[in-house]
């Protein structure tokens, strides 16, 4: 895990990062950020997930996916924030590592052409936009079309 979670600017929440390395400099980095704007009913939260595949200690694939959290996902994340921001907690570390490994598997399927992904936001067949989306074209989801 990386340094303690931090806010880079008001309205920005950086969840604990995960950095996995194996033999020969292989591995991946996973970061998840939330950007909050507005207040009350106009409040919006954009989630940005960054995934970097590493080979021989060099990045070989960098993907960033973005979506706007639906009210249900936002409520779930807000309830979990006190736990998620405690990087010293073994459950937090295990949860974030599970998220990172799931993203690694998803990105591997996308790179291999096994799973399609939206060309704009990066959602895919196994991880739709928050609040769900459907495929409108072969390369665009309903939120982006």
Foldseek 3Di string as FASTA:
>chain_A
DDDAWDAPDPQKTKFDKDWDADPQGWTKIKTKMWGWDDDDPPIKIKIKIWMFTTHNVHTDDIDIAIAIADPVVVVVCVVCVVVRRPVVDPVNVVVNVVVRVVVVVVVVCCVVVNWAAAPPGGATPVGAHHVGWDDPDRRHTPVGD
